[in-house]
Amino acid sequence: MIEKKTYCDKIEFVPPFAVQCRKRISVVEDGTELAASFERCVMQPDSDCQAEPNVQAICNAVFTDAVKADWAAKQAADAAEMATEPESVVTETPTEA
């Protein structure tokens, strides 16, 4: 019987604002893995961490109220900076043939 299995096989905390989860997608036949691929998701303090229980537990542990407040302040500062920066103008320089 061939079946597809998807599970988080690697979880990393990237201080101070990210938890990465690598999902392994395996095609298995009679207990033997035939193929595998990966996808990655990144969660920040304002993300919905309704992932696998072990991922959710790590998010709950590292995304404390203080970290969430720091993240919100960083997001606000980044937004304010973007609002005050002038738009970049890109001009092409002619090249000699």
PDB file of N, CA and C in Angstrom:
ATOM      1  N   MET A   1       0.827  -1.178   0.000  1.00  0.00           N
ATOM      2  CA  MET A   1       0.000   0.000   0.000  1.00  0.00           C
ATOM      3  C   MET A   1       0.876   1.249   0.000  1.00  0.00           C
ATOM      4  N   ILE A   2       0.571   2.190  -0.866  1.00  0.00           N
ATOM      5  CA  ILE A   2       1.314   3.447  -0.945  1.00  0.00           C
ATOM      6  C   ILE A   2       0.560   4.499  -0.140  1.00  0.00           C
ATOM      7  N   GLU A   3       1.316   5.235   0.664  1.00  0.00           N
ATOM      8  CA  GLU A   3       0.706   6.298   1.441  1.00  0.00           C
ATOM      9  C   GLU A   3       1.608   7.527   1.469  1.00  0.00           C
ATOM     10  N   LYS A   4       0.989   8.662   1.707  1.00  0.00           N
ATOM     11  CA  LYS A   4       1.702   9.932   1.808  1.00  0.00           C
ATOM     12  C   LYS A   4       1.692  10.345   3.272  1.00  0.00           C
ATOM     13  N   LYS A   5       2.877  10.668   3.791  1.00  0.00           N
ATOM     14  CA  LYS A   5       3.000  11.105   5.179  1.00  0.00           C
ATOM     15  C   LYS A   5       3.591  12.505   5.199  1.00  0.00           C
ATOM     16  N   THR A   6       2.982  13.385   5.978  1.00  0.00           N
ATOM     17  CA  THR A   6       3.480  14.749   6.139  1.00  0.00           C
ATOM     18  C   THR A   6       3.656  15.016   7.625  1.00  0.00           C
ATOM     19  N   TYR A   7       4.849  15.447   7.995  1.00  0.00           N
ATOM     20  CA  TYR A   7       5.104  15.750   9.400  1.00  0.00           C
ATOM     21  C   TYR A   7       6.258  16.736   9.511  1.00  0.00           C
ATOM     22  N   CYS A   8       6.289  17.446  10.612  1.00  0.00           N
ATOM     23  CA  CYS A   8       7.357  18.397  10.881  1.00  0.00           C
ATOM     24  C   CYS A   8       8.540  17.615  11.437  1.00  0.00           C
ATOM     25  N   ASP A   9       9.643  17.600  10.693  1.00  0.00           N
ATOM     26  CA  ASP A   9      10.789  16.820  11.152  1.00  0.00           C
ATOM     27  C   ASP A   9      11.924  17.679  11.704  1.00  0.00           C
ATOM     28  N   LYS A  10      11.776  19.004  11.615  1.00  0.00           N
ATOM     29  CA  LYS A  10      12.831  19.876  12.137  1.00  0.00           C
ATOM     30  C   LYS A  10      12.200  21.201  12.559  1.00  0.00           C
ATOM     31  N   ILE A  11      12.475  21.623  13.777  1.00  0.00           N
ATOM     32  CA  ILE A  11      11.963  22.884  14.299  1.00  0.00           C
ATOM     33  C   ILE A  11      13.160  23.698  14.781  1.00  0.00           C
ATOM     34  N   GLU A  12      13.215  24.954  14.358  1.00  0.00           N
ATOM     35  CA  GLU A  12      14.324  25.817  14.754  1.00  0.00           C
ATOM     36  C   GLU A  12      13.785  27.148  15.275  1.00  0.00           C
ATOM     37  N   PHE A  13      14.336  27.617  16.379  1.00  0.00           N
ATOM     38  CA  PHE A  13      14.048  28.955  16.870  1.00  0.00           C
ATOM     39  C   PHE A  13      15.147  29.858  16.347  1.00  0.00           C
ATOM     40  N   VAL A  14      14.763  30.902  15.625  1.00  0.00           N
ATOM     41  CA  VAL A  14      15.707  31.872  15.083  1.00  0.00           C
ATOM     42  C   VAL A  14      15.480  33.184  15.845  1.00  0.00           C
ATOM     43  N   PRO A  15      16.287  33.411  16.889  1.00  0.00           N
ATOM     44  CA  PRO A  15      16.057  34.570  17.750  1.00  0.00           C
ATOM     45  C   PRO A  15      16.117  35.883  16.969  1.00  0.00           C
ATOM     46  N   PRO A  16      15.385  36.892  17.349  1.00  0.00           N
ATOM     47  CA  PRO A  16      14.449  36.860  18.449  1.00  0.00           C
ATOM     48  C   PRO A  16      12.996  36.637  18.016  1.00  0.00           C
ATOM     49  N   PHE A  17      12.737  36.600  16.694  1.00  0.00           N
ATOM     50  CA  PHE A  17      11.343  36.678  16.263  1.00  0.00           C
ATOM     51  C   PHE A  17      10.847  35.578  15.337  1.00  0.00           C
ATOM     52  N   ALA A  18      11.493  34.434  15.242  1.00  0.00           N
ATOM     53  CA  ALA A  18      11.014  33.442  14.280  1.00  0.00           C
ATOM     54  C   ALA A  18      11.186  32.008  14.779  1.00  0.00           C
ATOM     55  N   VAL A  19      10.208  31.181  14.437  1.00  0.00           N
ATOM     56  CA  VAL A  19      10.286  29.736  14.620  1.00  0.00           C
ATOM     57  C   VAL A  19      10.063  29.146  13.233  1.00  0.00           C
ATOM     58  N   GLN A  20      11.015  28.328  12.787  1.00  0.00           N
ATOM     59  CA  GLN A  20      10.916  27.688  11.476  1.00  0.00           C
ATOM     60  C   GLN A  20      10.550  26.225  11.654  1.00  0.00           C
ATOM     61  N   CYS A  21       9.704  25.738  10.788  1.00  0.00           N
ATOM     62  CA  CYS A  21       9.318  24.333  10.804  1.00  0.00           C
ATOM     63  C   CYS A  21       9.560  23.760   9.407  1.00  0.00           C
ATOM     64  N   ARG A  22      10.355  22.700   9.344  1.00  0.00           N
ATOM     65  CA  ARG A  22      10.550  22.022   8.066  1.00  0.00           C
ATOM     66  C   ARG A  22       9.613  20.829   8.029  1.00  0.00           C
ATOM     67  N   LYS A  23       8.741  20.820   7.031  1.00  0.00           N
ATOM     68  CA  LYS A  23       7.802  19.709   6.865  1.00  0.00           C
ATOM     69  C   LYS A  23       8.363  18.734   5.853  1.00  0.00           C
ATOM     70  N   ARG A  24       8.338  17.479   6.214  1.00  0.00           N
ATOM     71  CA  ARG A  24       8.786  16.413   5.321  1.00  0.00           C
ATOM     72  C   ARG A  24       7.545  15.747   4.740  1.00  0.00           C
ATOM     73  N   ILE A  25       7.511  15.636   3.444  1.00  0.00           N
ATOM     74  CA  ILE A  25       6.415  14.975   2.753  1.00  0.00           C
ATOM     75  C   ILE A  25       6.999  13.709   2.136  1.00  0.00           C
ATOM     76  N   SER A  26       6.585  12.557   2.648  1.00  0.00           N
ATOM     77  CA  SER A  26       7.148  11.276   2.226  1.00  0.00           C
ATOM     78  C   SER A  26       6.105  10.421   1.521  1.00  0.00           C
ATOM     79  N   VAL A  27       6.558   9.731   0.491  1.00  0.00           N
ATOM     80  CA  VAL A  27       5.739   8.713  -0.168  1.00  0.00           C
ATOM     81  C   VAL A  27       6.321   7.376   0.266  1.00  0.00           C
ATOM     82  N   VAL A  28       5.490   6.575   0.935  1.00  0.00           N
ATOM     83  CA  VAL A  28       5.959   5.335   1.548  1.00  0.00           C
ATOM     84  C   VAL A  28       5.148   4.162   0.999  1.00  0.00           C
ATOM     85  N   GLU A  29       5.870   3.097   0.673  1.00  0.00           N
ATOM     86  CA  GLU A  29       5.207   1.861   0.242  1.00  0.00           C
ATOM     87  C   GLU A  29       5.733   0.716   1.092  1.00  0.00           C
ATOM     88  N   ASP A  30       4.845   0.032   1.766  1.00  0.00           N
ATOM     89  CA  ASP A  30       5.196  -1.114   2.615  1.00  0.00           C
ATOM     90  C   ASP A  30       6.336  -0.789   3.577  1.00  0.00           C
ATOM     91  N   GLY A  31       6.291   0.407   4.161  1.00  0.00           N
ATOM     92  CA  GLY A  31       7.295   0.794   5.145  1.00  0.00           C
ATOM     93  C   GLY A  31       8.578   1.346   4.558  1.00  0.00           C
ATOM     94  N   THR A  32       8.724   1.360   3.243  1.00  0.00           N
ATOM     95  CA  THR A  32       9.929   1.870   2.595  1.00  0.00           C
ATOM     96  C   THR A  32       9.628   3.218   1.952  1.00  0.00           C
ATOM     97  N   GLU A  33      10.444   4.198   2.279  1.00  0.00           N
ATOM     98  CA  GLU A  33      10.246   5.524   1.695  1.00  0.00           C
ATOM     99  C   GLU A  33      10.707   5.520   0.243  1.00  0.00           C
ATOM    100  N   LEU A  34       9.805   5.893  -0.656  1.00  0.00           N
ATOM    101  CA  LEU A  34      10.120   5.932  -2.078  1.00  0.00           C
ATOM    102  C   LEU A  34      10.616   7.304  -2.517  1.00  0.00           C
ATOM    103  N   ALA A  35      10.075   8.346  -1.914  1.00  0.00           N
ATOM    104  CA  ALA A  35      10.453   9.710  -2.276  1.00  0.00           C
ATOM    105  C   ALA A  35      10.113  10.630  -1.115  1.00  0.00           C
ATOM    106  N   ALA A  36      10.811  11.766  -1.094  1.00  0.00           N
ATOM    107  CA  ALA A  36      10.527  12.763  -0.060  1.00  0.00           C
ATOM    108  C   ALA A  36      10.812  14.151  -0.607  1.00  0.00           C
ATOM    109  N   SER A  37      10.056  15.116  -0.124  1.00  0.00           N
ATOM    110  CA  SER A  37      10.322  16.514  -0.439  1.00  0.00           C
ATOM    111  C   SER A  37      10.075  17.323   0.834  1.00  0.00           C
ATOM    112  N   PHE A  38      10.465  18.584   0.791  1.00  0.00           N
ATOM    113  CA  PHE A  38      10.373  19.419   1.979  1.00  0.00           C
ATOM    114  C   PHE A  38       9.706  20.743   1.648  1.00  0.00           C
ATOM    115  N   GLU A  39       9.065  21.306   2.646  1.00  0.00           N
ATOM    116  CA  GLU A  39       8.599  22.684   2.577  1.00  0.00           C
ATOM    117  C   GLU A  39       8.837  23.289   3.944  1.00  0.00           C
ATOM    118  N   ARG A  40       8.981  24.588   3.968  1.00  0.00           N
ATOM    119  CA  ARG A  40       9.307  25.260   5.222  1.00  0.00           C
ATOM    120  C   ARG A  40       8.286  26.359   5.484  1.00  0.00           C
ATOM    121  N   CYS A  41       7.920  26.499   6.740  1.00  0.00           N
ATOM    122  CA  CYS A  41       7.061  27.616   7.126  1.00  0.00           C
ATOM    123  C   CYS A  41       7.749  28.350   8.275  1.00  0.00           C
ATOM    124  N   VAL A  42       7.539  29.647   8.315  1.00  0.00           N
ATOM    125  CA  VAL A  42       8.139  30.487   9.341  1.00  0.00           C
ATOM    126  C   VAL A  42       7.014  31.169  10.105  1.00  0.00           C
ATOM    127  N   MET A  43       7.089  31.093  11.406  1.00  0.00           N
ATOM    128  CA  MET A  43       6.083  31.717  12.265  1.00  0.00           C
ATOM    129  C   MET A  43       6.735  32.828  13.071  1.00  0.00           C
ATOM    130  N   GLN A  44       6.040  33.952  13.172  1.00  0.00           N
ATOM    131  CA  GLN A  44       6.481  35.078  13.974  1.00  0.00           C
ATOM    132  C   GLN A  44       5.527  35.252  15.143  1.00  0.00           C
ATOM    133  N   PRO A  45       5.869  36.136  16.093  1.00  0.00           N
ATOM    134  CA  PRO A  45       5.019  36.271  17.286  1.00  0.00           C
ATOM    135  C   PRO A  45       3.551  36.574  17.008  1.00  0.00           C
ATOM    136  N   ASP A  46       3.233  37.196  15.868  1.00  0.00           N
ATOM    137  CA  ASP A  46       1.837  37.488  15.564  1.00  0.00           C
ATOM    138  C   ASP A  46       1.196  36.449  14.646  1.00  0.00           C
ATOM    139  N   SER A  47       1.910  35.354  14.374  1.00  0.00           N
ATOM    140  CA  SER A  47       1.383  34.280  13.528  1.00  0.00           C
ATOM    141  C   SER A  47       0.410  33.400  14.312  1.00  0.00           C
ATOM    142  N   ASP A  48      -0.475  32.755  13.575  1.00  0.00           N
ATOM    143  CA  ASP A  48      -1.367  31.760  14.167  1.00  0.00           C
ATOM    144  C   ASP A  48      -0.587  30.452  14.230  1.00  0.00           C
ATOM    145  N   CYS A  49      -0.137  30.088  15.397  1.00  0.00           N
ATOM    146  CA  CYS A  49       0.724  28.906  15.555  1.00  0.00           C
ATOM    147  C   CYS A  49      -0.090  27.642  15.821  1.00  0.00           C
ATOM    148  N   GLN A  50      -1.150  27.446  15.091  1.00  0.00           N
ATOM    149  CA  GLN A  50      -1.982  26.255  15.258  1.00  0.00           C
ATOM    150  C   GLN A  50      -1.419  25.116  14.408  1.00  0.00           C
ATOM    151  N   ALA A  51      -0.155  24.819  14.606  1.00  0.00           N
ATOM    152  CA  ALA A  51       0.509  23.756  13.864  1.00  0.00           C
ATOM    153  C   ALA A  51       0.456  22.473  14.695  1.00  0.00           C
ATOM    154  N   GLU A  52       1.377  21.577  14.406  1.00  0.00           N
ATOM    155  CA  GLU A  52       1.483  20.354  15.192  1.00  0.00           C
ATOM    156  C   GLU A  52       1.721  20.730  16.653  1.00  0.00           C
ATOM    157  N   PRO A  53       1.294  19.885  17.580  1.00  0.00           N
ATOM    158  CA  PRO A  53       1.411  20.225  19.008  1.00  0.00           C
ATOM    159  C   PRO A  53       2.828  20.591  19.454  1.00  0.00           C
ATOM    160  N   ASN A  54       3.848  19.909  18.934  1.00  0.00           N
ATOM    161  CA  ASN A  54       5.210  20.234  19.360  1.00  0.00           C
ATOM    162  C   ASN A  54       5.651  21.604  18.843  1.00  0.00           C
ATOM    163  N   VAL A  55       5.221  21.987  17.656  1.00  0.00           N
ATOM    164  CA  VAL A  55       5.541  23.311  17.108  1.00  0.00           C
ATOM    165  C   VAL A  55       4.805  24.375  17.918  1.00  0.00           C
ATOM    166  N   GLN A  56       3.562  24.129  18.206  1.00  0.00           N
ATOM    167  CA  GLN A  56       2.753  25.065  18.992  1.00  0.00           C
ATOM    168  C   GLN A  56       3.364  25.259  20.379  1.00  0.00           C
ATOM    169  N   ALA A  57       3.853  24.193  20.980  1.00  0.00           N
ATOM    170  CA  ALA A  57       4.463  24.285  22.312  1.00  0.00           C
ATOM    171  C   ALA A  57       5.718  25.151  22.276  1.00  0.00           C
ATOM    172  N   ILE A  58       6.526  25.012  21.238  1.00  0.00           N
ATOM    173  CA  ILE A  58       7.736  25.824  21.120  1.00  0.00           C
ATOM    174  C   ILE A  58       7.369  27.289  20.911  1.00  0.00           C
ATOM    175  N   CYS A  59       6.395  27.555  20.036  1.00  0.00           N
ATOM    176  CA  CYS A  59       5.943  28.940  19.820  1.00  0.00           C
ATOM    177  C   CYS A  59       5.452  29.551  21.128  1.00  0.00           C
ATOM    178  N   ASN A  60       4.669  28.805  21.880  1.00  0.00           N
ATOM    179  CA  ASN A  60       4.162  29.310  23.154  1.00  0.00           C
ATOM    180  C   ASN A  60       5.288  29.592  24.141  1.00  0.00           C
ATOM    181  N   ALA A  61       6.342  28.790  24.078  1.00  0.00           N
ATOM    182  CA  ALA A  61       7.464  28.963  25.013  1.00  0.00           C
ATOM    183  C   ALA A  61       8.332  30.169  24.652  1.00  0.00           C
ATOM    184  N   VAL A  62       8.598  30.379  23.370  1.00  0.00           N
ATOM    185  CA  VAL A  62       9.537  31.438  22.983  1.00  0.00           C
ATOM    186  C   VAL A  62       8.859  32.769  22.678  1.00  0.00           C
ATOM    187  N   PHE A  63       7.593  32.743  22.300  1.00  0.00           N
ATOM    188  CA  PHE A  63       6.883  33.984  22.006  1.00  0.00           C
ATOM    189  C   PHE A  63       6.159  34.475  23.260  1.00  0.00           C
ATOM    190  N   THR A  64       6.959  34.921  24.215  1.00  0.00           N
ATOM    191  CA  THR A  64       6.423  35.441  25.472  1.00  0.00           C
ATOM    192  C   THR A  64       5.731  36.784  25.226  1.00  0.00           C
ATOM    193  N   ASP A  65       5.050  37.298  26.231  1.00  0.00           N
ATOM    194  CA  ASP A  65       4.400  38.604  26.099  1.00  0.00           C
ATOM    195  C   ASP A  65       5.426  39.688  25.784  1.00  0.00           C
ATOM    196  N   ALA A  66       6.609  39.595  26.382  1.00  0.00           N
ATOM    197  CA  ALA A  66       7.661  40.583  26.119  1.00  0.00           C
ATOM    198  C   ALA A  66       8.123  40.514  24.665  1.00  0.00           C
ATOM    199  N   VAL A  67       8.305  39.305  24.142  1.00  0.00           N
ATOM    200  CA  VAL A  67       8.725  39.136  22.745  1.00  0.00           C
ATOM    201  C   VAL A  67       7.634  39.652  21.807  1.00  0.00           C
ATOM    202  N   LYS A  68       6.375  39.365  22.131  1.00  0.00           N
ATOM    203  CA  LYS A  68       5.266  39.857  21.309  1.00  0.00           C
ATOM    204  C   LYS A  68       5.224  41.380  21.312  1.00  0.00           C
ATOM    205  N   ALA A  69       5.469  41.999  22.469  1.00  0.00           N
ATOM    206  CA  ALA A  69       5.486  43.465  22.556  1.00  0.00           C
ATOM    207  C   ALA A  69       6.652  44.033  21.743  1.00  0.00           C
ATOM    208  N   ASP A  70       7.821  43.406  21.829  1.00  0.00           N
ATOM    209  CA  ASP A  70       8.983  43.854  21.046  1.00  0.00           C
ATOM    210  C   ASP A  70       8.706  43.716  19.550  1.00  0.00           C
ATOM    211  N   TRP A  71       8.046  42.632  19.158  1.00  0.00           N
ATOM    212  CA  TRP A  71       7.710  42.407  17.750  1.00  0.00           C
ATOM    213  C   TRP A  71       6.741  43.490  17.256  1.00  0.00           C
ATOM    214  N   ALA A  72       5.734  43.791  18.050  1.00  0.00           N
ATOM    215  CA  ALA A  72       4.761  44.823  17.673  1.00  0.00           C
ATOM    216  C   ALA A  72       5.461  46.179  17.530  1.00  0.00           C
ATOM    217  N   ALA A  73       6.378  46.484  18.443  1.00  0.00           N
ATOM    218  CA  ALA A  73       7.121  47.744  18.366  1.00  0.00           C
ATOM    219  C   ALA A  73       7.998  47.787  17.120  1.00  0.00           C
ATOM    220  N   LYS A  74       8.631  46.669  16.801  1.00  0.00           N
ATOM    221  CA  LYS A  74       9.465  46.595  15.593  1.00  0.00           C
ATOM    222  C   LYS A  74       8.613  46.780  14.338  1.00  0.00           C
ATOM    223  N   GLN A  75       7.462  46.136  14.287  1.00  0.00           N
ATOM    224  CA  GLN A  75       6.571  46.270  13.132  1.00  0.00           C
ATOM    225  C   GLN A  75       6.131  47.725  12.969  1.00  0.00           C
ATOM    226  N   ALA A  76       5.790  48.384  14.068  1.00  0.00           N
ATOM    227  CA  ALA A  76       5.363  49.791  14.017  1.00  0.00           C
ATOM    228  C   ALA A  76       6.513  50.685  13.563  1.00  0.00           C
ATOM    229  N   ALA A  77       7.713  50.431  14.069  1.00  0.00           N
ATOM    230  CA  ALA A  77       8.882  51.234  13.676  1.00  0.00           C
ATOM    231  C   ALA A  77       9.198  51.023  12.201  1.00  0.00           C
ATOM    232  N   ASP A  78       9.121  49.779  11.733  1.00  0.00           N
ATOM    233  CA  ASP A  78       9.376  49.491  10.317  1.00  0.00           C
ATOM    234  C   ASP A  78       8.348  50.182   9.428  1.00  0.00           C
ATOM    235  N   ALA A  79       7.081  50.156   9.837  1.00  0.00           N
ATOM    236  CA  ALA A  79       6.026  50.798   9.058  1.00  0.00           C
ATOM    237  C   ALA A  79       6.236  52.305   9.013  1.00  0.00           C
ATOM    238  N   ALA A  80       6.627  52.901  10.140  1.00  0.00           N
ATOM    239  CA  ALA A  80       6.873  54.345  10.186  1.00  0.00           C
ATOM    240  C   ALA A  80       8.054  54.717   9.299  1.00  0.00           C
ATOM    241  N   GLU A  81       9.086  53.890   9.314  1.00  0.00           N
ATOM    242  CA  GLU A  81      10.261  54.146   8.484  1.00  0.00           C
ATOM    243  C   GLU A  81       9.919  54.065   6.999  1.00  0.00           C
ATOM    244  N   MET A  82       9.111  53.096   6.642  1.00  0.00           N
ATOM    245  CA  MET A  82       8.709  52.945   5.241  1.00  0.00           C
ATOM    246  C   MET A  82       7.861  54.131   4.787  1.00  0.00           C
ATOM    247  N   ALA A  83       7.062  54.663   5.685  1.00  0.00           N
ATOM    248  CA  ALA A  83       6.188  55.780   5.340  1.00  0.00           C
ATOM    249  C   ALA A  83       6.973  57.078   5.141  1.00  0.00           C
ATOM    250  N   THR A  84       8.131  57.204   5.778  1.00  0.00           N
ATOM    251  CA  THR A  84       8.906  58.436   5.677  1.00  0.00           C
ATOM    252  C   THR A  84      10.004  58.374   4.626  1.00  0.00           C
ATOM    253  N   GLU A  85      10.334  57.199   4.139  1.00  0.00           N
ATOM    254  CA  GLU A  85      11.377  57.086   3.124  1.00  0.00           C
ATOM    255  C   GLU A  85      10.846  57.537   1.773  1.00  0.00           C
ATOM    256  N   PRO A  86      11.647  58.329   1.052  1.00  0.00           N
ATOM    257  CA  PRO A  86      11.216  58.698  -0.298  1.00  0.00           C
ATOM    258  C   PRO A  86      11.308  57.480  -1.208  1.00  0.00           C
ATOM    259  N   GLU A  87      10.461  57.471  -2.213  1.00  0.00           N
ATOM    260  CA  GLU A  87      10.507  56.359  -3.156  1.00  0.00           C
ATOM    261  C   GLU A  87      11.809  56.413  -3.925  1.00  0.00           C
ATOM    262  N   SER A  88      12.383  55.257  -4.143  1.00  0.00           N
ATOM    263  CA  SER A  88      13.622  55.179  -4.907  1.00  0.00           C
ATOM    264  C   SER A  88      13.311  55.332  -6.385  1.00  0.00           C
ATOM    265  N   VAL A  89      14.165  56.061  -7.060  1.00  0.00           N
ATOM    266  CA  VAL A  89      14.021  56.216  -8.503  1.00  0.00           C
ATOM    267  C   VAL A  89      15.205  55.522  -9.130  1.00  0.00           C
ATOM    268  N   VAL A  90      14.927  54.595 -10.011  1.00  0.00           N
ATOM    269  CA  VAL A  90      15.984  53.861 -10.677  1.00  0.00           C
ATOM    270  C   VAL A  90      16.105  54.408 -12.088  1.00  0.00           C
ATOM    271  N   THR A  91      17.294  54.816 -12.408  1.00  0.00           N
ATOM    272  CA  THR A  91      17.534  55.289 -13.778  1.00  0.00           C
ATOM    273  C   THR A  91      18.565  54.383 -14.400  1.00  0.00           C
ATOM    274  N   GLU A  92      18.388  54.144 -15.680  1.00  0.00           N
ATOM    275  CA  GLU A  92      19.346  53.291 -16.384  1.00  0.00           C
ATOM    276  C   GLU A  92      20.439  54.165 -16.980  1.00  0.00           C
ATOM    277  N   THR A  93      21.641  53.688 -16.867  1.00  0.00           N
ATOM    278  CA  THR A  93      22.771  54.365 -17.475  1.00  0.00           C
ATOM    279  C   THR A  93      23.021  53.732 -18.824  1.00  0.00           C
ATOM    280  N   PRO A  94      23.084  54.533 -19.880  1.00  0.00           N
ATOM    281  CA  PRO A  94      23.327  53.934 -21.203  1.00  0.00           C
ATOM    282  C   PRO A  94      24.671  53.219 -21.213  1.00  0.00           C
ATOM    283  N   THR A  95      24.687  52.098 -21.863  1.00  0.00           N
ATOM    284  CA  THR A  95      25.941  51.347 -21.992  1.00  0.00           C
ATOM    285  C   THR A  95      26.440  51.503 -23.418  1.00  0.00           C
ATOM    286  N   GLU A  96      27.730  51.506 -23.532  1.00  0.00           N
ATOM    287  CA  GLU A  96      28.320  51.627 -24.853  1.00  0.00           C
ATOM    288  C   GLU A  96      28.319  50.272 -25.533  1.00  0.00           C
ATOM    289  N   ALA A  97      28.021  50.258 -26.799  1.00  0.00           N
ATOM    290  CA  ALA A  97      27.972  48.998 -27.538  1.00  0.00           C
ATOM    291  C   ALA A  97      29.308  48.642 -28.095  1.00  0.00           C
TER     292      ALA A  97
END
